[in-house]
């Protein structure tokens, strides 16, 4: 088996707004993310 390493950059959620329930049973979402300069691998 071959090991695979990838960088996984971080992000922080600045805002998460959940709208009213729609006819299909889902809620609309509005999100705002900001990237972080750190990462994990």
PDB file of N, CA and C in Angstrom:
ATOM      1  N   UNK A   1       0.842  -1.169   0.000  1.00  0.00           N
ATOM      2  CA  UNK A   1       0.000   0.000   0.000  1.00  0.00           C
ATOM      3  C   UNK A   1       0.894   1.241   0.000  1.00  0.00           C
ATOM      4  N   UNK A   2       0.563   2.232  -0.815  1.00  0.00           N
ATOM      5  CA  UNK A   2       1.323   3.466  -0.908  1.00  0.00           C
ATOM      6  C   UNK A   2       0.672   4.545  -0.059  1.00  0.00           C
ATOM      7  N   UNK A   3       1.471   5.233   0.748  1.00  0.00           N
ATOM      8  CA  UNK A   3       0.959   6.331   1.579  1.00  0.00           C
ATOM      9  C   UNK A   3       0.728   7.563   0.715  1.00  0.00           C
ATOM     10  N   UNK A   4      -0.308   8.298   1.020  1.00  0.00           N
ATOM     11  CA  UNK A   4      -0.637   9.532   0.317  1.00  0.00           C
ATOM     12  C   UNK A   4      -0.720  10.653   1.328  1.00  0.00           C
ATOM     13  N   UNK A   5      -0.006  11.734   1.072  1.00  0.00           N
ATOM     14  CA  UNK A   5      -0.037  12.897   1.972  1.00  0.00           C
ATOM     15  C   UNK A   5      -0.490  14.104   1.175  1.00  0.00           C
ATOM     16  N   UNK A   6      -1.473  14.810   1.681  1.00  0.00           N
ATOM     17  CA  UNK A   6      -1.999  16.013   1.052  1.00  0.00           C
ATOM     18  C   UNK A   6      -2.155  17.081   2.119  1.00  0.00           C
ATOM     19  N   UNK A   7      -1.929  18.314   1.750  1.00  0.00           N
ATOM     20  CA  UNK A   7      -2.171  19.414   2.675  1.00  0.00           C
ATOM     21  C   UNK A   7      -3.674  19.693   2.723  1.00  0.00           C
ATOM     22  N   UNK A   8      -4.168  19.983   3.919  1.00  0.00           N
ATOM     23  CA  UNK A   8      -5.584  20.297   4.110  1.00  0.00           C
ATOM     24  C   UNK A   8      -5.666  21.681   4.747  1.00  0.00           C
ATOM     25  N   UNK A   9      -5.766  22.738   3.932  1.00  0.00           N
ATOM     26  CA  UNK A   9      -5.789  24.079   4.480  1.00  0.00           C
ATOM     27  C   UNK A   9      -7.006  24.302   5.377  1.00  0.00           C
ATOM     28  N   UNK A  10      -6.820  25.134   6.378  1.00  0.00           N
ATOM     29  CA  UNK A  10      -7.896  25.408   7.324  1.00  0.00           C
ATOM     30  C   UNK A  10      -8.767  26.570   6.884  1.00  0.00           C
ATOM     31  N   UNK A  11      -9.930  26.681   7.487  1.00  0.00           N
ATOM     32  CA  UNK A  11     -10.825  27.809   7.250  1.00  0.00           C
ATOM     33  C   UNK A  11     -11.636  28.036   8.517  1.00  0.00           C
ATOM     34  N   UNK A  12     -12.135  29.234   8.658  1.00  0.00           N
ATOM     35  CA  UNK A  12     -12.967  29.566   9.807  1.00  0.00           C
ATOM     36  C   UNK A  12     -14.300  30.090   9.283  1.00  0.00           C
ATOM     37  N   UNK A  13     -15.369  29.674   9.922  1.00  0.00           N
ATOM     38  CA  UNK A  13     -16.705  30.091   9.530  1.00  0.00           C
ATOM     39  C   UNK A  13     -17.016  31.414  10.229  1.00  0.00           C
ATOM     40  N   UNK A  14     -17.162  32.488   9.468  1.00  0.00           N
ATOM     41  CA  UNK A  14     -17.459  33.806  10.018  1.00  0.00           C
ATOM     42  C   UNK A  14     -18.952  34.027  10.209  1.00  0.00           C
ATOM     43  N   UNK A  15     -19.750  33.372   9.386  1.00  0.00           N
ATOM     44  CA  UNK A  15     -21.197  33.556   9.462  1.00  0.00           C
ATOM     45  C   UNK A  15     -21.888  32.321   8.897  1.00  0.00           C
ATOM     46  N   UNK A  16     -22.974  31.937   9.538  1.00  0.00           N
ATOM     47  CA  UNK A  16     -23.813  30.850   9.035  1.00  0.00           C
ATOM     48  C   UNK A  16     -25.259  31.240   9.279  1.00  0.00           C
ATOM     49  N   UNK A  17     -25.985  31.485   8.210  1.00  0.00           N
ATOM     50  CA  UNK A  17     -27.399  31.839   8.299  1.00  0.00           C
ATOM     51  C   UNK A  17     -28.225  30.698   7.724  1.00  0.00           C
ATOM     52  N   UNK A  18     -29.237  30.268   8.463  1.00  0.00           N
ATOM     53  CA  UNK A  18     -30.118  29.177   8.041  1.00  0.00           C
ATOM     54  C   UNK A  18     -31.484  29.767   7.754  1.00  0.00           C
ATOM     55  N   UNK A  19     -31.956  29.563   6.538  1.00  0.00           N
ATOM     56  CA  UNK A  19     -33.248  30.108   6.128  1.00  0.00           C
ATOM     57  C   UNK A  19     -34.393  29.201   6.539  1.00  0.00           C
ATOM     58  N   UNK A  20     -35.602  29.619   6.202  1.00  0.00           N
ATOM     59  CA  UNK A  20     -36.785  28.833   6.558  1.00  0.00           C
ATOM     60  C   UNK A  20     -36.847  27.518   5.774  1.00  0.00           C
ATOM     61  N   UNK A  21     -37.564  26.579   6.325  1.00  0.00           N
ATOM     62  CA  UNK A  21     -37.730  25.274   5.690  1.00  0.00           C
ATOM     63  C   UNK A  21     -38.419  25.430   4.338  1.00  0.00           C
ATOM     64  N   UNK A  22     -37.825  24.851   3.315  1.00  0.00           N
ATOM     65  CA  UNK A  22     -38.392  24.911   1.970  1.00  0.00           C
ATOM     66  C   UNK A  22     -39.333  23.729   1.747  1.00  0.00           C
ATOM     67  N   UNK A  23     -40.074  23.771   0.651  1.00  0.00           N
ATOM     68  CA  UNK A  23     -41.038  22.719   0.323  1.00  0.00           C
ATOM     69  C   UNK A  23     -40.356  21.353   0.158  1.00  0.00           C
ATOM     70  N   UNK A  24     -39.090  21.337  -0.235  1.00  0.00           N
ATOM     71  CA  UNK A  24     -38.377  20.075  -0.428  1.00  0.00           C
ATOM     72  C   UNK A  24     -37.804  19.516   0.873  1.00  0.00           C
ATOM     73  N   UNK A  25     -38.038  20.199   1.996  1.00  0.00           N
ATOM     74  CA  UNK A  25     -37.577  19.718   3.290  1.00  0.00           C
ATOM     75  C   UNK A  25     -36.191  20.198   3.698  1.00  0.00           C
ATOM     76  N   UNK A  26     -35.551  20.981   2.837  1.00  0.00           N
ATOM     77  CA  UNK A  26     -34.219  21.512   3.131  1.00  0.00           C
ATOM     78  C   UNK A  26     -34.302  22.982   3.518  1.00  0.00           C
ATOM     79  N   UNK A  27     -33.286  23.438   4.239  1.00  0.00           N
ATOM     80  CA  UNK A  27     -33.155  24.850   4.592  1.00  0.00           C
ATOM     81  C   UNK A  27     -32.093  25.467   3.694  1.00  0.00           C
ATOM     82  N   UNK A  28     -32.328  26.655   3.149  1.00  0.00           N
ATOM     83  CA  UNK A  28     -31.246  27.326   2.427  1.00  0.00           C
ATOM     84  C   UNK A  28     -30.193  27.818   3.415  1.00  0.00           C
ATOM     85  N   UNK A  29     -28.940  27.776   3.004  1.00  0.00           N
ATOM     86  CA  UNK A  29     -27.834  28.204   3.854  1.00  0.00           C
ATOM     87  C   UNK A  29     -27.059  29.323   3.182  1.00  0.00           C
ATOM     88  N   UNK A  30     -26.599  30.261   3.991  1.00  0.00           N
ATOM     89  CA  UNK A  30     -25.691  31.301   3.528  1.00  0.00           C
ATOM     90  C   UNK A  30     -24.502  31.278   4.467  1.00  0.00           C
ATOM     91  N   UNK A  31     -23.314  31.040   3.933  1.00  0.00           N
ATOM     92  CA  UNK A  31     -22.117  30.948   4.763  1.00  0.00           C
ATOM     93  C   UNK A  31     -21.053  31.902   4.255  1.00  0.00           C
ATOM     94  N   UNK A  32     -20.214  32.360   5.172  1.00  0.00           N
ATOM     95  CA  UNK A  32     -19.052  33.176   4.843  1.00  0.00           C
ATOM     96  C   UNK A  32     -17.852  32.522   5.544  1.00  0.00           C
ATOM     97  N   UNK A  33     -16.863  32.128   4.755  1.00  0.00           N
ATOM     98  CA  UNK A  33     -15.653  31.499   5.281  1.00  0.00           C
ATOM     99  C   UNK A  33     -14.445  32.396   5.031  1.00  0.00           C
ATOM    100  N   UNK A  34     -13.445  32.259   5.885  1.00  0.00           N
ATOM    101  CA  UNK A  34     -12.159  32.924   5.682  1.00  0.00           C
ATOM    102  C   UNK A  34     -11.071  31.853   5.742  1.00  0.00           C
ATOM    103  N   UNK A  35     -10.141  31.867   4.794  1.00  0.00           N
ATOM    104  CA  UNK A  35      -9.062  30.886   4.814  1.00  0.00           C
ATOM    105  C   UNK A  35      -8.053  31.194   5.913  1.00  0.00           C
ATOM    106  N   UNK A  36      -7.406  30.173   6.410  1.00  0.00           N
ATOM    107  CA  UNK A  36      -6.349  30.306   7.403  1.00  0.00           C
ATOM    108  C   UNK A  36      -5.013  30.003   6.743  1.00  0.00           C
ATOM    109  N   UNK A  37      -3.968  30.603   7.248  1.00  0.00           N
ATOM    110  CA  UNK A  37      -2.654  30.358   6.656  1.00  0.00           C
ATOM    111  C   UNK A  37      -2.019  29.069   7.153  1.00  0.00           C
ATOM    112  N   UNK A  38      -2.555  28.478   8.207  1.00  0.00           N
ATOM    113  CA  UNK A  38      -2.007  27.212   8.706  1.00  0.00           C
ATOM    114  C   UNK A  38      -2.682  26.046   7.994  1.00  0.00           C
ATOM    115  N   UNK A  39      -2.054  24.900   8.031  1.00  0.00           N
ATOM    116  CA  UNK A  39      -2.612  23.708   7.401  1.00  0.00           C
ATOM    117  C   UNK A  39      -2.136  22.488   8.156  1.00  0.00           C
ATOM    118  N   UNK A  40      -2.902  21.409   8.041  1.00  0.00           N
ATOM    119  CA  UNK A  40      -2.490  20.126   8.595  1.00  0.00           C
ATOM    120  C   UNK A  40      -2.253  19.164   7.447  1.00  0.00           C
ATOM    121  N   UNK A  41      -1.456  18.177   7.683  1.00  0.00           N
ATOM    122  CA  UNK A  41      -1.214  17.198   6.618  1.00  0.00           C
ATOM    123  C   UNK A  41      -1.399  15.808   7.170  1.00  0.00           C
TER     124      UNK A  41
END
